[in-house]
């Protein structure tokens, strides 16, 4: 999807508002709806966010444990790396950068597993619902997180209250080039399904 984002075509605000309306219908822990969505269209702010994204990849502040990118598929791994490099070079040109956020009472870095699951489980369905709504309207998206290494700087740039709001991702949003998408390479469902026990 990263290489199929149309960098030349503006995204109409009305389309984004439709996607947000659908996102707010997502389930959330205790129905608290603590999410916020920051949509960045200003070219200067998009450029600054793209720079934080690049810094997060080039000079991450935390160690990130990664599963192998190619997982035994060197061709697929090369495609992913090429796609990621394209976004690295062109993120500042994407018409809209979306930062989904969730309100918290203090930072959650040292929260329990259950507390973290509650926080992330309360925002991710809404974000995914936004992404599905976007796709059904001819918009492409991609989930990225490298800018979170510089979350405080992004918060300062966008006026996000750092101590009480967690940023969850940086999602480029654009019209797509073409609509002839195929399903992505994924593990077969029968390999991941466990019925009644592991």
N, C-alpha and C. Protein backbone atom coordinates (compact mmCIF):
# COMPACT_ATOMS: atom_id res chain seq x y z
N UNK A 1 0.82 -1.20 0.00
CA UNK A 1 0.00 0.00 0.00
C UNK A 1 0.87 1.26 0.00
N UNK A 2 2.03 1.20 0.69
CA UNK A 2 2.85 2.41 0.83
C UNK A 2 3.20 3.02 -0.53
N UNK A 3 3.52 2.17 -1.50
CA UNK A 3 3.92 2.68 -2.82
C UNK A 3 2.72 3.00 -3.70
N UNK A 4 1.51 2.71 -3.23
CA UNK A 4 0.31 2.99 -4.01
C UNK A 4 -0.42 4.22 -3.49
N UNK A 5 0.18 4.97 -2.57
CA UNK A 5 -0.43 6.21 -2.08
C UNK A 5 -0.22 7.31 -3.11
N UNK A 6 -1.28 7.99 -3.49
CA UNK A 6 -1.20 9.07 -4.47
C UNK A 6 -0.74 10.34 -3.76
N UNK A 7 0.50 10.72 -4.01
CA UNK A 7 1.11 11.87 -3.34
C UNK A 7 0.68 13.20 -3.95
N UNK A 8 -0.04 13.17 -5.06
CA UNK A 8 -0.38 14.40 -5.78
C UNK A 8 -1.83 14.83 -5.59
N UNK A 9 -2.66 13.96 -5.09
CA UNK A 9 -4.10 14.24 -5.02
C UNK A 9 -4.51 14.57 -3.59
N UNK A 10 -5.08 15.74 -3.34
CA UNK A 10 -5.54 16.07 -1.98
C UNK A 10 -6.66 15.13 -1.54
N UNK A 11 -6.78 14.94 -0.24
CA UNK A 11 -7.87 14.14 0.32
C UNK A 11 -8.92 15.11 0.86
N UNK A 12 -10.14 14.92 0.41
CA UNK A 12 -11.23 15.80 0.80
C UNK A 12 -11.55 15.64 2.28
N UNK A 13 -11.73 16.74 2.97
CA UNK A 13 -12.04 16.72 4.40
C UNK A 13 -13.30 15.90 4.68
N UNK A 14 -14.29 15.99 3.81
CA UNK A 14 -15.53 15.24 4.01
C UNK A 14 -15.30 13.74 4.08
N UNK A 15 -14.38 13.22 3.26
CA UNK A 15 -14.07 11.79 3.31
C UNK A 15 -13.46 11.41 4.65
N UNK A 16 -12.57 12.24 5.13
CA UNK A 16 -11.94 11.98 6.42
C UNK A 16 -12.97 12.04 7.55
N UNK A 17 -13.89 12.98 7.47
CA UNK A 17 -14.93 13.08 8.49
C UNK A 17 -15.84 11.86 8.49
N UNK A 18 -16.15 11.33 7.29
CA UNK A 18 -16.95 10.10 7.20
C UNK A 18 -16.21 8.94 7.89
N UNK A 19 -14.92 8.84 7.64
CA UNK A 19 -14.12 7.77 8.25
C UNK A 19 -14.08 7.92 9.76
N UNK A 20 -13.97 9.15 10.24
CA UNK A 20 -13.96 9.39 11.68
C UNK A 20 -15.30 9.03 12.31
N UNK A 21 -16.40 9.35 11.63
CA UNK A 21 -17.72 9.00 12.15
C UNK A 21 -17.83 7.49 12.33
N UNK A 22 -17.33 6.73 11.38
CA UNK A 22 -17.38 5.28 11.50
C UNK A 22 -16.41 4.78 12.56
N UNK A 23 -15.27 5.42 12.69
CA UNK A 23 -14.30 5.02 13.71
C UNK A 23 -14.90 5.14 15.11
N UNK A 24 -15.72 6.14 15.33
CA UNK A 24 -16.28 6.35 16.67
C UNK A 24 -17.32 5.30 17.05
N UNK A 25 -17.70 4.46 16.11
CA UNK A 25 -18.64 3.38 16.41
C UNK A 25 -17.94 2.13 16.92
N UNK A 26 -16.63 2.15 16.99
CA UNK A 26 -15.86 0.98 17.43
C UNK A 26 -16.08 0.72 18.92
N UNK A 27 -15.92 -0.54 19.32
CA UNK A 27 -16.01 -0.83 20.75
C UNK A 27 -14.82 -0.24 21.50
N UNK A 28 -15.02 0.08 22.75
CA UNK A 28 -13.97 0.64 23.59
C UNK A 28 -14.19 0.20 25.03
N UNK A 29 -13.11 0.03 25.77
CA UNK A 29 -13.19 -0.44 27.14
C UNK A 29 -14.13 0.42 27.99
N UNK A 30 -15.11 -0.22 28.61
CA UNK A 30 -16.12 0.44 29.45
C UNK A 30 -16.82 1.60 28.74
N UNK A 31 -16.80 1.58 27.42
CA UNK A 31 -17.46 2.60 26.59
C UNK A 31 -17.01 4.01 26.93
N UNK A 32 -15.73 4.16 27.32
CA UNK A 32 -15.23 5.47 27.73
C UNK A 32 -14.85 6.36 26.55
N UNK A 33 -14.58 5.79 25.41
CA UNK A 33 -14.29 6.56 24.19
C UNK A 33 -13.22 7.62 24.44
N UNK A 34 -12.07 7.19 24.92
CA UNK A 34 -10.99 8.11 25.29
C UNK A 34 -10.09 8.46 24.11
N UNK A 35 -10.53 8.20 22.91
CA UNK A 35 -9.66 8.41 21.76
C UNK A 35 -9.78 9.83 21.20
N UNK A 36 -8.73 10.23 20.54
CA UNK A 36 -8.70 11.48 19.78
C UNK A 36 -7.91 11.18 18.52
N UNK A 37 -8.21 11.90 17.45
CA UNK A 37 -7.51 11.72 16.18
C UNK A 37 -6.96 13.08 15.73
N UNK A 38 -5.67 13.16 15.55
CA UNK A 38 -5.05 14.39 15.06
C UNK A 38 -4.77 14.17 13.57
N UNK A 39 -5.42 14.95 12.73
CA UNK A 39 -5.22 14.86 11.28
C UNK A 39 -4.35 16.03 10.84
N UNK A 40 -3.20 15.72 10.29
CA UNK A 40 -2.21 16.74 9.95
C UNK A 40 -2.16 16.91 8.44
N UNK A 41 -2.55 18.09 7.98
CA UNK A 41 -2.52 18.41 6.55
C UNK A 41 -1.56 19.54 6.24
N UNK A 42 -1.16 20.30 7.24
CA UNK A 42 -0.23 21.41 7.06
C UNK A 42 1.12 20.89 6.55
N UNK A 43 1.61 21.38 5.40
CA UNK A 43 2.86 20.86 4.83
C UNK A 43 4.07 20.95 5.76
N UNK A 44 4.19 22.04 6.50
CA UNK A 44 5.32 22.18 7.42
C UNK A 44 5.27 21.17 8.55
N UNK A 45 4.09 20.95 9.11
CA UNK A 45 3.95 19.97 10.19
C UNK A 45 4.11 18.54 9.67
N UNK A 46 3.61 18.28 8.45
CA UNK A 46 3.83 16.95 7.86
C UNK A 46 5.32 16.70 7.66
N UNK A 47 6.05 17.70 7.21
CA UNK A 47 7.49 17.55 7.00
C UNK A 47 8.20 17.30 8.33
N UNK A 48 7.80 18.00 9.37
CA UNK A 48 8.42 17.82 10.69
C UNK A 48 8.11 16.43 11.25
N UNK A 49 6.87 15.95 11.08
CA UNK A 49 6.53 14.61 11.53
C UNK A 49 7.30 13.55 10.75
N UNK A 50 7.44 13.77 9.44
CA UNK A 50 8.20 12.83 8.62
C UNK A 50 9.65 12.76 9.10
N UNK A 51 10.18 13.87 9.54
CA UNK A 51 11.55 13.88 10.05
C UNK A 51 11.65 13.09 11.35
N UNK A 52 10.66 13.22 12.22
CA UNK A 52 10.64 12.43 13.46
C UNK A 52 10.51 10.94 13.15
N UNK A 53 9.72 10.60 12.16
CA UNK A 53 9.57 9.21 11.70
C UNK A 53 10.93 8.68 11.24
N UNK A 54 11.62 9.46 10.44
CA UNK A 54 12.94 9.04 9.94
C UNK A 54 13.94 8.89 11.09
N UNK A 55 13.91 9.82 12.03
CA UNK A 55 14.78 9.73 13.20
C UNK A 55 14.49 8.46 13.99
N UNK A 56 13.21 8.13 14.12
CA UNK A 56 12.82 6.91 14.84
C UNK A 56 13.38 5.66 14.20
N UNK A 57 13.52 5.67 12.89
CA UNK A 57 14.11 4.53 12.20
C UNK A 57 15.63 4.56 12.26
N UNK A 58 16.20 5.74 12.09
CA UNK A 58 17.66 5.86 12.05
C UNK A 58 18.30 5.85 13.43
N UNK A 59 17.63 6.48 14.40
CA UNK A 59 18.19 6.59 15.76
C UNK A 59 17.09 6.33 16.80
N UNK A 60 16.62 5.09 16.87
CA UNK A 60 15.57 4.79 17.85
C UNK A 60 16.08 4.99 19.27
N UNK A 61 15.20 5.44 20.14
CA UNK A 61 15.56 5.70 21.54
C UNK A 61 15.39 4.47 22.42
N UNK A 62 14.65 3.49 21.94
CA UNK A 62 14.44 2.26 22.68
C UNK A 62 14.76 1.08 21.78
N UNK A 63 15.19 0.01 22.40
CA UNK A 63 15.42 -1.22 21.63
C UNK A 63 14.06 -1.80 21.27
N UNK A 64 13.89 -2.19 20.01
CA UNK A 64 12.65 -2.79 19.56
C UNK A 64 12.97 -4.21 19.11
N UNK A 65 12.36 -5.18 19.77
CA UNK A 65 12.56 -6.57 19.38
C UNK A 65 11.68 -6.82 18.17
N UNK A 66 12.29 -7.32 17.14
CA UNK A 66 11.54 -7.55 15.89
C UNK A 66 11.60 -9.02 15.51
N UNK A 67 10.49 -9.50 15.01
CA UNK A 67 10.52 -10.80 14.36
C UNK A 67 11.20 -10.58 13.03
N UNK A 68 11.79 -11.62 12.47
CA UNK A 68 12.44 -11.48 11.17
C UNK A 68 11.49 -10.93 10.13
N UNK A 69 11.94 -9.93 9.40
CA UNK A 69 11.05 -9.27 8.43
C UNK A 69 10.69 -10.21 7.27
N UNK A 70 11.64 -11.08 6.91
CA UNK A 70 11.33 -11.91 5.75
C UNK A 70 10.70 -13.24 6.15
N UNK A 71 10.87 -13.68 7.39
CA UNK A 71 10.25 -14.91 7.88
C UNK A 71 10.36 -16.04 6.88
N UNK A 72 11.55 -16.23 6.34
CA UNK A 72 11.77 -17.31 5.38
C UNK A 72 11.33 -16.99 3.97
N UNK A 73 10.94 -15.77 3.72
CA UNK A 73 10.49 -15.36 2.38
C UNK A 73 11.35 -14.19 1.92
N UNK A 74 12.56 -14.47 1.38
CA UNK A 74 13.44 -13.36 0.99
C UNK A 74 12.83 -12.44 -0.05
N UNK A 75 11.98 -12.97 -0.93
CA UNK A 75 11.35 -12.11 -1.94
C UNK A 75 10.36 -11.17 -1.27
N UNK A 76 9.50 -11.70 -0.39
CA UNK A 76 8.54 -10.86 0.33
C UNK A 76 9.24 -9.86 1.22
N UNK A 77 10.33 -10.30 1.87
CA UNK A 77 11.10 -9.40 2.73
C UNK A 77 11.69 -8.25 1.94
N UNK A 78 12.17 -8.54 0.73
CA UNK A 78 12.73 -7.49 -0.13
C UNK A 78 11.64 -6.50 -0.55
N UNK A 79 10.44 -7.01 -0.83
CA UNK A 79 9.32 -6.12 -1.20
C UNK A 79 8.96 -5.21 -0.05
N UNK A 80 8.91 -5.77 1.16
CA UNK A 80 8.57 -4.96 2.34
C UNK A 80 9.64 -3.89 2.56
N UNK A 81 10.90 -4.27 2.46
CA UNK A 81 11.99 -3.31 2.66
C UNK A 81 11.92 -2.19 1.61
N UNK A 82 11.63 -2.55 0.37
CA UNK A 82 11.53 -1.56 -0.70
C UNK A 82 10.36 -0.61 -0.44
N UNK A 83 9.24 -1.16 0.00
CA UNK A 83 8.07 -0.36 0.32
C UNK A 83 8.34 0.57 1.49
N UNK A 84 9.01 0.05 2.51
CA UNK A 84 9.34 0.87 3.68
C UNK A 84 10.29 2.00 3.30
N UNK A 85 11.24 1.70 2.42
CA UNK A 85 12.19 2.74 1.97
C UNK A 85 11.46 3.85 1.21
N UNK A 86 10.49 3.46 0.41
CA UNK A 86 9.70 4.44 -0.34
C UNK A 86 8.99 5.39 0.63
N UNK A 87 8.37 4.83 1.68
CA UNK A 87 7.68 5.69 2.64
C UNK A 87 8.67 6.57 3.39
N UNK A 88 9.83 6.04 3.72
CA UNK A 88 10.89 6.80 4.37
C UNK A 88 11.22 8.04 3.54
N UNK A 89 11.32 7.86 2.22
CA UNK A 89 11.69 8.96 1.32
C UNK A 89 10.54 9.93 1.03
N UNK A 90 9.29 9.48 1.14
CA UNK A 90 8.17 10.28 0.65
C UNK A 90 7.09 10.62 1.69
N UNK A 91 7.29 10.23 2.95
CA UNK A 91 6.23 10.45 3.93
C UNK A 91 5.77 11.90 4.00
N UNK A 92 6.68 12.83 3.87
CA UNK A 92 6.32 14.25 3.96
C UNK A 92 5.40 14.70 2.83
N UNK A 93 5.32 13.92 1.75
CA UNK A 93 4.47 14.26 0.60
C UNK A 93 3.06 13.71 0.71
N UNK A 94 2.83 12.80 1.65
CA UNK A 94 1.50 12.22 1.80
C UNK A 94 0.53 13.32 2.26
N UNK A 95 -0.64 13.43 1.65
CA UNK A 95 -1.55 14.56 1.93
C UNK A 95 -2.04 14.67 3.37
N UNK A 96 -2.22 13.53 4.04
CA UNK A 96 -2.74 13.55 5.42
C UNK A 96 -1.93 12.57 6.26
N UNK A 97 -1.52 13.02 7.43
CA UNK A 97 -0.90 12.12 8.41
C UNK A 97 -1.82 12.10 9.62
N UNK A 98 -2.25 10.92 9.99
CA UNK A 98 -3.18 10.74 11.09
C UNK A 98 -2.42 10.20 12.30
N UNK A 99 -2.61 10.85 13.45
CA UNK A 99 -2.05 10.35 14.70
C UNK A 99 -3.22 10.04 15.63
N UNK A 100 -3.54 8.74 15.77
CA UNK A 100 -4.57 8.36 16.73
C UNK A 100 -3.99 8.42 18.14
N UNK A 101 -4.79 8.88 19.08
CA UNK A 101 -4.33 9.06 20.46
C UNK A 101 -5.37 8.49 21.42
N UNK A 102 -4.91 8.23 22.64
CA UNK A 102 -5.84 7.82 23.70
C UNK A 102 -5.49 8.55 24.98
N UNK A 103 -6.51 9.05 25.65
CA UNK A 103 -6.31 9.75 26.91
C UNK A 103 -6.02 8.78 28.04
N UNK A 104 -5.08 9.15 28.90
CA UNK A 104 -4.68 8.30 30.02
C UNK A 104 -4.50 9.17 31.26
N UNK A 105 -4.45 8.53 32.40
CA UNK A 105 -4.11 9.23 33.64
C UNK A 105 -2.66 8.90 33.95
N UNK A 106 -1.75 9.63 33.34
CA UNK A 106 -0.32 9.36 33.49
C UNK A 106 0.18 8.42 32.41
N UNK A 107 1.47 8.44 32.18
CA UNK A 107 2.08 7.59 31.16
C UNK A 107 1.95 6.12 31.54
N UNK A 108 1.90 5.24 30.56
CA UNK A 108 1.63 3.82 30.81
C UNK A 108 2.83 2.90 30.56
N UNK A 109 4.02 3.45 30.42
CA UNK A 109 5.17 2.61 30.09
C UNK A 109 5.40 1.48 31.09
N UNK A 110 5.11 1.73 32.37
CA UNK A 110 5.33 0.71 33.40
C UNK A 110 4.04 0.09 33.89
N UNK A 111 2.97 0.22 33.15
CA UNK A 111 1.69 -0.34 33.53
C UNK A 111 1.72 -1.86 33.41
N UNK A 112 0.80 -2.51 34.09
CA UNK A 112 0.69 -3.97 34.03
C UNK A 112 0.25 -4.42 32.63
N UNK A 113 0.40 -5.70 32.39
CA UNK A 113 -0.04 -6.28 31.13
C UNK A 113 -1.53 -6.04 30.92
N UNK A 114 -2.31 -6.22 31.97
CA UNK A 114 -3.76 -6.02 31.87
C UNK A 114 -4.07 -4.55 31.60
N UNK A 115 -3.38 -3.65 32.30
CA UNK A 115 -3.59 -2.22 32.08
C UNK A 115 -3.25 -1.81 30.67
N UNK A 116 -2.13 -2.32 30.17
CA UNK A 116 -1.74 -2.01 28.78
C UNK A 116 -2.76 -2.57 27.80
N UNK A 117 -3.21 -3.81 28.03
CA UNK A 117 -4.21 -4.41 27.13
C UNK A 117 -5.48 -3.57 27.11
N UNK A 118 -5.90 -3.07 28.26
CA UNK A 118 -7.10 -2.24 28.34
C UNK A 118 -6.91 -0.95 27.56
N UNK A 119 -5.75 -0.32 27.72
CA UNK A 119 -5.50 0.94 27.01
C UNK A 119 -5.48 0.73 25.51
N UNK A 120 -4.64 -0.18 25.04
CA UNK A 120 -4.51 -0.38 23.59
C UNK A 120 -5.78 -0.97 23.00
N UNK A 121 -6.44 -1.86 23.75
CA UNK A 121 -7.68 -2.44 23.25
C UNK A 121 -8.82 -1.45 23.17
N UNK A 122 -8.66 -0.31 23.82
CA UNK A 122 -9.70 0.72 23.76
C UNK A 122 -9.51 1.67 22.58
N UNK A 123 -8.34 1.71 21.97
CA UNK A 123 -8.11 2.63 20.86
C UNK A 123 -7.93 1.90 19.52
N UNK A 124 -7.30 0.74 19.54
CA UNK A 124 -6.98 0.08 18.26
C UNK A 124 -8.21 -0.28 17.43
N UNK A 125 -9.32 -0.74 18.01
CA UNK A 125 -10.49 -1.00 17.17
C UNK A 125 -10.97 0.25 16.42
N UNK A 126 -10.92 1.40 17.08
CA UNK A 126 -11.35 2.63 16.41
C UNK A 126 -10.42 2.99 15.27
N UNK A 127 -9.12 2.80 15.49
CA UNK A 127 -8.15 3.10 14.43
C UNK A 127 -8.36 2.15 13.25
N UNK A 128 -8.51 0.88 13.55
CA UNK A 128 -8.72 -0.09 12.47
C UNK A 128 -10.02 0.21 11.73
N UNK A 129 -11.06 0.61 12.45
CA UNK A 129 -12.32 0.95 11.81
C UNK A 129 -12.13 2.16 10.88
N UNK A 130 -11.32 3.15 11.32
CA UNK A 130 -11.01 4.29 10.45
C UNK A 130 -10.32 3.79 9.18
N UNK A 131 -9.35 2.89 9.34
CA UNK A 131 -8.59 2.40 8.19
C UNK A 131 -9.48 1.61 7.22
N UNK A 132 -10.39 0.82 7.75
CA UNK A 132 -11.32 0.08 6.88
C UNK A 132 -12.27 1.04 6.16
N UNK A 133 -12.75 2.04 6.87
CA UNK A 133 -13.62 3.03 6.25
C UNK A 133 -12.88 3.77 5.14
N UNK A 134 -11.62 4.10 5.41
CA UNK A 134 -10.81 4.78 4.40
C UNK A 134 -10.67 3.91 3.16
N UNK A 135 -10.37 2.63 3.36
CA UNK A 135 -10.17 1.72 2.23
C UNK A 135 -11.44 1.63 1.37
N UNK A 136 -12.60 1.60 2.03
CA UNK A 136 -13.86 1.48 1.27
C UNK A 136 -14.18 2.77 0.50
N UNK A 137 -13.46 3.84 0.77
CA UNK A 137 -13.66 5.11 0.08
C UNK A 137 -12.50 5.45 -0.86
N UNK A 138 -11.72 4.45 -1.20
CA UNK A 138 -10.63 4.66 -2.16
C UNK A 138 -9.38 5.29 -1.57
N UNK A 139 -9.28 5.27 -0.23
CA UNK A 139 -8.10 5.82 0.43
C UNK A 139 -7.23 4.68 0.94
N UNK A 140 -5.93 4.89 0.87
CA UNK A 140 -4.99 3.91 1.39
C UNK A 140 -4.39 4.41 2.68
N UNK A 141 -4.02 3.48 3.55
CA UNK A 141 -3.40 3.80 4.83
C UNK A 141 -2.29 2.79 5.10
N UNK A 142 -1.43 3.12 6.04
CA UNK A 142 -0.39 2.19 6.48
C UNK A 142 -0.10 2.48 7.95
N UNK A 143 0.02 1.44 8.74
CA UNK A 143 0.30 1.59 10.17
C UNK A 143 1.80 1.76 10.36
N UNK A 144 2.23 2.84 10.98
CA UNK A 144 3.65 3.03 11.29
C UNK A 144 3.78 3.49 12.74
N UNK A 145 4.93 3.20 13.35
CA UNK A 145 5.16 3.62 14.73
C UNK A 145 6.53 4.23 15.01
N UNK A 146 7.46 4.33 14.06
CA UNK A 146 8.79 4.84 14.40
C UNK A 146 8.81 6.23 15.02
N UNK A 147 7.86 7.07 14.69
CA UNK A 147 7.87 8.43 15.26
C UNK A 147 7.68 8.39 16.77
N UNK A 148 7.16 7.28 17.31
CA UNK A 148 6.92 7.20 18.75
C UNK A 148 8.21 7.24 19.56
N UNK A 149 9.35 6.96 18.94
CA UNK A 149 10.62 7.15 19.62
C UNK A 149 10.81 8.63 19.97
N UNK A 150 10.13 9.49 19.24
CA UNK A 150 10.22 10.94 19.44
C UNK A 150 8.81 11.49 19.72
N UNK A 151 8.06 10.75 20.51
CA UNK A 151 6.67 11.12 20.79
C UNK A 151 6.55 12.48 21.48
N UNK A 152 7.46 12.76 22.40
CA UNK A 152 7.39 14.06 23.10
C UNK A 152 7.56 15.21 22.10
N UNK A 153 8.49 15.07 21.17
CA UNK A 153 8.70 16.12 20.16
C UNK A 153 7.48 16.27 19.26
N UNK A 154 6.86 15.15 18.90
CA UNK A 154 5.63 15.21 18.10
C UNK A 154 4.52 15.89 18.88
N UNK A 155 4.43 15.58 20.17
CA UNK A 155 3.42 16.21 21.02
C UNK A 155 3.61 17.72 21.06
N UNK A 156 4.86 18.16 21.20
CA UNK A 156 5.14 19.60 21.23
C UNK A 156 4.77 20.24 19.89
N UNK A 157 5.08 19.57 18.79
CA UNK A 157 4.78 20.09 17.46
C UNK A 157 3.28 20.30 17.26
N UNK A 158 2.48 19.35 17.78
CA UNK A 158 1.04 19.36 17.50
C UNK A 158 0.19 19.82 18.69
N UNK A 159 0.82 20.19 19.79
CA UNK A 159 0.06 20.64 20.95
C UNK A 159 -0.68 19.53 21.67
N UNK A 160 -0.18 18.30 21.56
CA UNK A 160 -0.80 17.16 22.24
C UNK A 160 -0.29 17.13 23.68
N UNK A 161 -1.18 17.04 24.67
CA UNK A 161 -0.73 17.00 26.06
C UNK A 161 -0.01 15.68 26.36
N UNK A 162 1.30 15.74 26.44
CA UNK A 162 2.14 14.54 26.52
C UNK A 162 1.87 13.70 27.77
N UNK A 163 1.63 14.30 28.90
CA UNK A 163 1.49 13.55 30.15
C UNK A 163 0.16 12.79 30.24
N UNK A 164 -0.84 13.20 29.49
CA UNK A 164 -2.17 12.59 29.62
C UNK A 164 -2.73 12.01 28.33
N UNK A 165 -1.94 12.07 27.25
CA UNK A 165 -2.40 11.53 25.96
C UNK A 165 -1.28 10.73 25.33
N UNK A 166 -1.57 9.46 25.01
CA UNK A 166 -0.62 8.60 24.33
C UNK A 166 -0.89 8.62 22.83
N UNK A 167 0.13 8.83 22.05
CA UNK A 167 0.03 8.66 20.60
C UNK A 167 0.21 7.17 20.31
N UNK A 168 -0.56 6.64 19.39
CA UNK A 168 -0.50 5.20 19.14
C UNK A 168 0.15 4.82 17.82
N UNK A 169 0.17 5.72 16.87
CA UNK A 169 0.71 5.41 15.55
C UNK A 169 0.81 6.70 14.73
N UNK A 170 1.40 6.58 13.57
CA UNK A 170 1.42 7.66 12.57
C UNK A 170 0.98 6.98 11.27
N UNK A 171 -0.20 7.35 10.80
CA UNK A 171 -0.82 6.66 9.67
C UNK A 171 -0.93 7.60 8.48
N UNK A 172 -0.17 7.33 7.41
CA UNK A 172 -0.35 8.12 6.19
C UNK A 172 -1.70 7.78 5.56
N UNK A 173 -2.38 8.80 5.05
CA UNK A 173 -3.69 8.63 4.41
C UNK A 173 -3.65 9.36 3.08
N UNK A 174 -4.00 8.65 2.02
CA UNK A 174 -4.03 9.25 0.68
C UNK A 174 -4.95 8.44 -0.22
N UNK A 175 -5.39 9.06 -1.29
CA UNK A 175 -6.07 8.28 -2.32
C UNK A 175 -5.08 7.25 -2.83
N UNK A 176 -5.60 6.17 -3.37
CA UNK A 176 -4.70 5.14 -3.88
C UNK A 176 -4.50 5.30 -5.39
N UNK A 177 -3.39 4.81 -5.85
CA UNK A 177 -3.12 4.74 -7.28
C UNK A 177 -3.65 3.38 -7.73
N UNK A 178 -4.76 3.40 -8.43
CA UNK A 178 -5.41 2.16 -8.85
C UNK A 178 -6.22 1.55 -7.71
N UNK A 179 -7.00 0.53 -8.08
CA UNK A 179 -7.84 -0.16 -7.09
C UNK A 179 -7.73 -1.67 -7.21
N UNK A 180 -6.77 -2.13 -7.97
CA UNK A 180 -6.62 -3.57 -8.23
C UNK A 180 -5.74 -4.24 -7.17
N UNK A 181 -6.22 -4.25 -5.93
CA UNK A 181 -5.45 -4.81 -4.83
C UNK A 181 -5.75 -6.29 -4.66
N UNK A 182 -4.73 -7.05 -4.33
CA UNK A 182 -4.86 -8.47 -4.04
C UNK A 182 -4.67 -8.68 -2.54
N UNK A 183 -5.15 -9.79 -2.03
CA UNK A 183 -4.88 -10.08 -0.62
C UNK A 183 -3.36 -10.17 -0.39
N UNK A 184 -2.93 -9.69 0.76
CA UNK A 184 -1.51 -9.76 1.10
C UNK A 184 -1.10 -11.17 1.48
N UNK A 185 0.18 -11.46 1.40
CA UNK A 185 0.65 -12.78 1.83
C UNK A 185 0.50 -12.92 3.34
N UNK A 186 -0.26 -13.90 3.76
CA UNK A 186 -0.52 -14.10 5.18
C UNK A 186 -0.43 -15.59 5.51
N UNK A 187 -0.26 -15.87 6.79
CA UNK A 187 -0.26 -17.24 7.27
C UNK A 187 -1.67 -17.80 7.10
N UNK A 188 -1.77 -19.06 6.68
CA UNK A 188 -3.07 -19.69 6.48
C UNK A 188 -3.81 -19.77 7.81
N UNK A 189 -5.11 -19.55 7.78
CA UNK A 189 -5.93 -19.54 8.99
C UNK A 189 -5.81 -20.84 9.76
N UNK A 190 -5.72 -21.97 9.07
CA UNK A 190 -5.64 -23.26 9.78
C UNK A 190 -4.34 -23.40 10.58
N UNK A 191 -3.31 -22.61 10.24
CA UNK A 191 -2.06 -22.67 11.00
C UNK A 191 -2.12 -21.87 12.29
N UNK A 192 -3.06 -20.93 12.39
CA UNK A 192 -3.12 -20.10 13.59
C UNK A 192 -4.34 -20.39 14.45
N UNK A 193 -5.26 -21.22 13.96
CA UNK A 193 -6.49 -21.52 14.71
C UNK A 193 -6.23 -22.65 15.70
N UNK A 194 -6.64 -22.45 16.94
CA UNK A 194 -6.54 -23.46 17.99
C UNK A 194 -7.94 -23.64 18.56
N UNK A 195 -8.53 -24.79 18.35
CA UNK A 195 -9.90 -25.02 18.76
C UNK A 195 -9.94 -25.73 20.11
N UNK A 196 -10.48 -25.08 21.10
CA UNK A 196 -10.70 -25.61 22.45
C UNK A 196 -9.43 -25.78 23.27
N UNK A 197 -8.25 -25.77 22.66
CA UNK A 197 -7.00 -25.79 23.42
C UNK A 197 -5.88 -25.45 22.46
N UNK A 198 -4.67 -25.20 22.99
CA UNK A 198 -3.52 -24.87 22.15
C UNK A 198 -3.12 -26.11 21.39
